[in-house]
PDB file of N, CA and C in Angstrom:
ATOM      1  N   UNK A   1     168.754 315.786 324.800  1.00  0.00           N
ATOM      2  CA  UNK A   1     168.667 314.348 324.731  1.00  0.00           C
ATOM      3  C   UNK A   1     168.045 313.954 323.401  1.00  0.00           C
ATOM      4  N   UNK A   2     168.614 312.976 322.752  1.00  0.00           N
ATOM      5  CA  UNK A   2     168.146 312.514 321.446  1.00  0.00           C
ATOM      6  C   UNK A   2     167.105 311.410 321.608  1.00  0.00           C
ATOM      7  N   UNK A   3     166.114 311.421 320.736  1.00  0.00           N
ATOM      8  CA  UNK A   3     165.109 310.362 320.758  1.00  0.00           C
ATOM      9  C   UNK A   3     165.270 309.416 319.576  1.00  0.00           C
ATOM     10  N   UNK A   4     166.452 309.434 318.952  1.00  0.00           N
ATOM     11  CA  UNK A   4     166.722 308.538 317.832  1.00  0.00           C
ATOM     12  C   UNK A   4     166.920 307.113 318.336  1.00  0.00           C
ATOM     13  N   UNK A   5     166.405 306.133 317.592  1.00  0.00           N
ATOM     14  CA  UNK A   5     166.607 304.741 318.013  1.00  0.00           C
ATOM     15  C   UNK A   5     168.084 304.350 317.941  1.00  0.00           C
ATOM     16  N   UNK A   6     168.468 303.495 318.852  1.00  0.00           N
ATOM     17  CA  UNK A   6     169.849 303.013 318.908  1.00  0.00           C
ATOM     18  C   UNK A   6     169.836 301.522 318.608  1.00  0.00           C
ATOM     19  N   UNK A   7     170.767 301.104 317.774  1.00  0.00           N
ATOM     20  CA  UNK A   7     170.895 299.689 317.452  1.00  0.00           C
ATOM     21  C   UNK A   7     172.173 299.166 318.091  1.00  0.00           C
ATOM     22  N   UNK A   8     172.017 298.193 318.965  1.00  0.00           N
ATOM     23  CA  UNK A   8     173.180 297.603 319.631  1.00  0.00           C
ATOM     24  C   UNK A   8     173.429 296.230 319.044  1.00  0.00           C
ATOM     25  N   UNK A   9     174.632 296.002 318.622  1.00  0.00           N
ATOM     26  CA  UNK A   9     175.018 294.707 318.103  1.00  0.00           C
ATOM     27  C   UNK A   9     176.278 294.242 318.794  1.00  0.00           C
ATOM     28  N   UNK A  10     176.749 293.084 318.405  1.00  0.00           N
ATOM     29  CA  UNK A  10     177.946 292.497 318.982  1.00  0.00           C
ATOM     30  C   UNK A  10     178.932 292.176 317.871  1.00  0.00           C
ATOM     31  N   UNK A  11     180.214 292.341 318.161  1.00  0.00           N
ATOM     32  CA  UNK A  11     181.259 292.026 317.192  1.00  0.00           C
ATOM     33  C   UNK A  11     182.307 291.139 317.855  1.00  0.00           C
ATOM     34  N   UNK A  12     183.043 290.425 317.014  1.00  0.00           N
ATOM     35  CA  UNK A  12     184.108 289.551 317.478  1.00  0.00           C
ATOM     36  C   UNK A  12     185.412 290.335 317.536  1.00  0.00           C
ATOM     37  N   UNK A  13     186.029 290.355 318.706  1.00  0.00           N
ATOM     38  CA  UNK A  13     187.342 290.974 318.906  1.00  0.00           C
ATOM     39  C   UNK A  13     188.254 289.942 319.546  1.00  0.00           C
ATOM     40  N   UNK A  14     189.047 289.237 318.742  1.00  0.00           N
ATOM     41  CA  UNK A  14     189.901 288.179 319.302  1.00  0.00           C
ATOM     42  C   UNK A  14     190.922 288.730 320.282  1.00  0.00           C
ATOM     43  N   UNK A  15     191.202 287.948 321.304  1.00  0.00           N
ATOM     44  CA  UNK A  15     192.174 288.285 322.335  1.00  0.00           C
ATOM     45  C   UNK A  15     193.559 287.934 321.820  1.00  0.00           C
ATOM     46  N   UNK A  16     194.322 288.932 321.489  1.00  0.00           N
ATOM     47  CA  UNK A  16     195.648 288.672 320.914  1.00  0.00           C
ATOM     48  C   UNK A  16     196.626 288.139 321.950  1.00  0.00           C
ATOM     49  N   UNK A  17     196.319 288.294 323.233  1.00  0.00           N
ATOM     50  CA  UNK A  17     197.184 287.745 324.274  1.00  0.00           C
ATOM     51  C   UNK A  17     197.165 286.223 324.244  1.00  0.00           C
ATOM     52  N   UNK A  18     196.079 285.659 323.749  1.00  0.00           N
ATOM     53  CA  UNK A  18     195.967 284.206 323.611  1.00  0.00           C
ATOM     54  C   UNK A  18     196.149 283.853 322.144  1.00  0.00           C
ATOM     55  N   UNK A  19     197.248 284.298 321.579  1.00  0.00           N
ATOM     56  CA  UNK A  19     197.489 284.159 320.150  1.00  0.00           C
ATOM     57  C   UNK A  19     197.666 282.739 319.677  1.00  0.00           C
ATOM     58  N   UNK A  20     197.909 282.626 318.414  1.00  0.00           N
ATOM     59  CA  UNK A  20     198.085 281.331 317.781  1.00  0.00           C
ATOM     60  C   UNK A  20     197.403 281.352 316.436  1.00  0.00           C
ATOM     61  N   UNK A  21     197.715 280.402 315.600  1.00  0.00           N
ATOM     62  CA  UNK A  21     197.164 280.417 314.242  1.00  0.00           C
ATOM     63  C   UNK A  21     195.660 280.201 314.185  1.00  0.00           C
ATOM     64  N   UNK A  22     195.070 279.649 315.247  1.00  0.00           N
ATOM     65  CA  UNK A  22     193.635 279.375 315.235  1.00  0.00           C
ATOM     66  C   UNK A  22     192.802 280.505 315.843  1.00  0.00           C
ATOM     67  N   UNK A  23     193.357 281.651 316.102  1.00  0.00           N
ATOM     68  CA  UNK A  23     192.644 282.718 316.789  1.00  0.00           C
ATOM     69  C   UNK A  23     191.741 283.531 315.870  1.00  0.00           C
ATOM     70  N   UNK A  24     191.716 283.245 314.586  1.00  0.00           N
ATOM     71  CA  UNK A  24     190.767 283.851 313.657  1.00  0.00           C
ATOM     72  C   UNK A  24     190.841 285.373 313.632  1.00  0.00           C
ATOM     73  N   UNK A  25     192.046 285.920 313.688  1.00  0.00           N
ATOM     74  CA  UNK A  25     192.175 287.378 313.684  1.00  0.00           C
ATOM     75  C   UNK A  25     191.645 288.010 312.402  1.00  0.00           C
ATOM     76  N   UNK A  26     191.567 287.224 311.328  1.00  0.00           N
ATOM     77  CA  UNK A  26     191.026 287.778 310.082  1.00  0.00           C
ATOM     78  C   UNK A  26     189.536 288.093 310.195  1.00  0.00           C
ATOM     79  N   UNK A  27     188.885 287.613 311.254  1.00  0.00           N
ATOM     80  CA  UNK A  27     187.458 287.879 311.468  1.00  0.00           C
ATOM     81  C   UNK A  27     187.220 288.984 312.490  1.00  0.00           C
ATOM     82  N   UNK A  28     188.274 289.639 312.941  1.00  0.00           N
ATOM     83  CA  UNK A  28     188.135 290.708 313.932  1.00  0.00           C
ATOM     84  C   UNK A  28     187.209 291.799 313.398  1.00  0.00           C
ATOM     85  N   UNK A  29     186.269 292.214 314.223  1.00  0.00           N
ATOM     86  CA  UNK A  29     185.332 293.264 313.855  1.00  0.00           C
ATOM     87  C   UNK A  29     184.089 292.778 313.136  1.00  0.00           C
ATOM     88  N   UNK A  30     184.009 291.480 312.861  1.00  0.00           N
ATOM     89  CA  UNK A  30     182.842 290.919 312.174  1.00  0.00           C
ATOM     90  C   UNK A  30     181.654 290.864 313.122  1.00  0.00           C
ATOM     91  N   UNK A  31     180.470 291.292 312.677  1.00  0.00           N
ATOM     92  CA  UNK A  31     179.289 291.187 313.535  1.00  0.00           C
ATOM     93  C   UNK A  31     178.997 289.734 313.905  1.00  0.00           C
ATOM     94  N   UNK A  32     178.450 289.548 315.106  1.00  0.00           N
ATOM     95  CA  UNK A  32     178.135 288.228 315.640  1.00  0.00           C
ATOM     96  C   UNK A  32     176.648 287.958 315.483  1.00  0.00           C
ATOM     97  N   UNK A  33     176.320 286.768 314.998  1.00  0.00           N
ATOM     98  CA  UNK A  33     174.923 286.348 314.849  1.00  0.00           C
ATOM     99  C   UNK A  33     174.445 285.589 316.085  1.00  0.00           C
ATOM    100  N   UNK A  34     175.290 284.698 316.626  1.00  0.00           N
ATOM    101  CA  UNK A  34     174.875 283.886 317.772  1.00  0.00           C
ATOM    102  C   UNK A  34     176.095 283.449 318.580  1.00  0.00           C
ATOM    103  N   UNK A  35     175.857 283.209 319.865  1.00  0.00           N
ATOM    104  CA  UNK A  35     176.901 282.722 320.769  1.00  0.00           C
ATOM    105  C   UNK A  35     176.348 281.505 321.497  1.00  0.00           C
ATOM    106  N   UNK A  36     177.127 280.424 321.507  1.00  0.00           N
ATOM    107  CA  UNK A  36     176.710 279.206 322.202  1.00  0.00           C
ATOM    108  C   UNK A  36     176.623 279.406 323.701  1.00  0.00           C
ATOM    109  N   UNK A  37     175.838 278.576 324.350  1.00  0.00           N
ATOM    110  CA  UNK A  37     175.641 278.687 325.799  1.00  0.00           C
ATOM    111  C   UNK A  37     176.687 277.924 326.596  1.00  0.00           C
ATOM    112  N   UNK A  38     177.170 276.810 326.058  1.00  0.00           N
ATOM    113  CA  UNK A  38     178.039 275.916 326.806  1.00  0.00           C
ATOM    114  C   UNK A  38     179.493 276.083 326.384  1.00  0.00           C
ATOM    115  N   UNK A  39     180.359 276.273 327.377  1.00  0.00           N
ATOM    116  CA  UNK A  39     181.789 276.412 327.102  1.00  0.00           C
ATOM    117  C   UNK A  39     182.446 275.034 327.059  1.00  0.00           C
ATOM    118  N   UNK A  40     183.514 274.919 326.260  1.00  0.00           N
ATOM    119  CA  UNK A  40     184.282 273.683 326.209  1.00  0.00           C
ATOM    120  C   UNK A  40     185.246 273.640 327.392  1.00  0.00           C
ATOM    121  N   UNK A  41     186.090 272.624 327.448  1.00  0.00           N
ATOM    122  CA  UNK A  41     187.033 272.466 328.559  1.00  0.00           C
ATOM    123  C   UNK A  41     188.011 273.626 328.664  1.00  0.00           C
ATOM    124  N   UNK A  42     188.268 274.313 327.553  1.00  0.00           N
ATOM    125  CA  UNK A  42     189.184 275.448 327.555  1.00  0.00           C
ATOM    126  C   UNK A  42     188.506 276.777 327.836  1.00  0.00           C
ATOM    127  N   UNK A  43     187.195 276.752 328.067  1.00  0.00           N
ATOM    128  CA  UNK A  43     186.472 277.988 328.371  1.00  0.00           C
ATOM    129  C   UNK A  43     185.954 278.735 327.158  1.00  0.00           C
ATOM    130  N   UNK A  44     186.029 278.115 325.983  1.00  0.00           N
ATOM    131  CA  UNK A  44     185.557 278.777 324.756  1.00  0.00           C
ATOM    132  C   UNK A  44     184.147 278.312 324.406  1.00  0.00           C
ATOM    133  N   UNK A  45     183.410 279.194 323.747  1.00  0.00           N
ATOM    134  CA  UNK A  45     182.073 278.885 323.258  1.00  0.00           C
ATOM    135  C   UNK A  45     182.075 279.001 321.739  1.00  0.00           C
ATOM    136  N   UNK A  46     181.097 278.364 321.101  1.00  0.00           N
ATOM    137  CA  UNK A  46     180.971 278.503 319.656  1.00  0.00           C
ATOM    138  C   UNK A  46     180.321 279.846 319.345  1.00  0.00           C
ATOM    139  N   UNK A  47     180.919 280.576 318.419  1.00  0.00           N
ATOM    140  CA  UNK A  47     180.397 281.865 317.982  1.00  0.00           C
ATOM    141  C   UNK A  47     180.104 281.762 316.491  1.00  0.00           C
ATOM    142  N   UNK A  48     178.895 282.158 316.100  1.00  0.00           N
ATOM    143  CA  UNK A  48     178.529 282.184 314.687  1.00  0.00           C
ATOM    144  C   UNK A  48     178.554 283.639 314.242  1.00  0.00           C
ATOM    145  N   UNK A  49     179.396 283.920 313.270  1.00  0.00           N
ATOM    146  CA  UNK A  49     179.521 285.279 312.762  1.00  0.00           C
ATOM    147  C   UNK A  49     178.457 285.559 311.708  1.00  0.00           C
ATOM    148  N   UNK A  50     178.244 286.824 311.405  1.00  0.00           N
ATOM    149  CA  UNK A  50     177.207 287.233 310.453  1.00  0.00           C
ATOM    150  C   UNK A  50     177.405 286.623 309.073  1.00  0.00           C
ATOM    151  N   UNK A  51     178.649 286.305 308.714  1.00  0.00           N
ATOM    152  CA  UNK A  51     178.919 285.709 307.406  1.00  0.00           C
ATOM    153  C   UNK A  51     178.796 284.181 307.423  1.00  0.00           C
ATOM    154  N   UNK A  52     178.364 283.613 308.573  1.00  0.00           N
ATOM    155  CA  UNK A  52     178.157 282.169 308.681  1.00  0.00           C
ATOM    156  C   UNK A  52     179.341 281.388 309.207  1.00  0.00           C
ATOM    157  N   UNK A  53     180.485 282.029 309.361  1.00  0.00           N
ATOM    158  CA  UNK A  53     181.678 281.352 309.874  1.00  0.00           C
ATOM    159  C   UNK A  53     181.458 281.015 311.345  1.00  0.00           C
ATOM    160  N   UNK A  54     181.854 279.804 311.720  1.00  0.00           N
ATOM    161  CA  UNK A  54     181.755 279.348 313.112  1.00  0.00           C
ATOM    162  C   UNK A  54     183.164 279.258 313.676  1.00  0.00           C
ATOM    163  N   UNK A  55     183.359 279.869 314.844  1.00  0.00           N
ATOM    164  CA  UNK A  55     184.671 279.865 315.486  1.00  0.00           C
ATOM    165  C   UNK A  55     184.497 279.550 316.964  1.00  0.00           C
ATOM    166  N   UNK A  56     185.566 279.145 317.613  1.00  0.00           N
ATOM    167  CA  UNK A  56     185.595 278.957 319.056  1.00  0.00           C
ATOM    168  C   UNK A  56     186.235 280.211 319.643  1.00  0.00           C
ATOM    169  N   UNK A  57     185.579 280.830 320.606  1.00  0.00           N
ATOM    170  CA  UNK A  57     186.086 282.073 321.185  1.00  0.00           C
ATOM    171  C   UNK A  57     185.710 282.149 322.657  1.00  0.00           C
ATOM    172  N   UNK A  58     186.432 282.996 323.387  1.00  0.00           N
ATOM    173  CA  UNK A  58     186.069 283.270 324.770  1.00  0.00           C
ATOM    174  C   UNK A  58     184.933 284.279 324.778  1.00  0.00           C
ATOM    175  N   UNK A  59     184.089 284.212 325.778  1.00  0.00           N
ATOM    176  CA  UNK A  59     182.939 285.121 325.848  1.00  0.00           C
ATOM    177  C   UNK A  59     183.377 286.587 325.866  1.00  0.00           C
ATOM    178  N   UNK A  60     184.503 286.888 326.495  1.00  0.00           N
ATOM    179  CA  UNK A  60     184.948 288.282 326.552  1.00  0.00           C
ATOM    180  C   UNK A  60     185.429 288.808 325.193  1.00  0.00           C
ATOM    181  N   UNK A  61     185.532 287.921 324.204  1.00  0.00           N
ATOM    182  CA  UNK A  61     185.935 288.348 322.862  1.00  0.00           C
ATOM    183  C   UNK A  61     184.738 288.787 322.010  1.00  0.00           C
ATOM    184  N   UNK A  62     183.547 288.669 322.549  1.00  0.00           N
ATOM    185  CA  UNK A  62     182.331 289.160 321.887  1.00  0.00           C
ATOM    186  C   UNK A  62     181.940 290.427 322.630  1.00  0.00           C
ATOM    187  N   UNK A  63     182.070 291.564 321.954  1.00  0.00           N
ATOM    188  CA  UNK A  63     181.885 292.852 322.605  1.00  0.00           C
ATOM    189  C   UNK A  63     180.837 293.702 321.884  1.00  0.00           C
ATOM    190  N   UNK A  64     180.228 294.659 322.586  1.00  0.00           N
ATOM    191  CA  UNK A  64     179.283 295.557 321.907  1.00  0.00           C
ATOM    192  C   UNK A  64     179.977 296.298 320.777  1.00  0.00           C
ATOM    193  N   UNK A  65     179.262 296.471 319.708  1.00  0.00           N
ATOM    194  CA  UNK A  65     179.878 297.192 318.592  1.00  0.00           C
ATOM    195  C   UNK A  65     178.926 297.570 317.532  1.00  0.00           C
TER     196      UNK A  65
END
């Protein structure tokens, strides 16, 4: 068993099944800085990426990484 510290972060992985030009696929794999608490009428929350970009995404599109 290793006693090395582990760093867990979150990354944005857009759901390609819900495609469209606004799905921000160019940001796939980008680390996530913050996720909003309140979802909009479509079930999306505001996600702030590490580079400062703000996108609307489903919670399941923010995954450990």
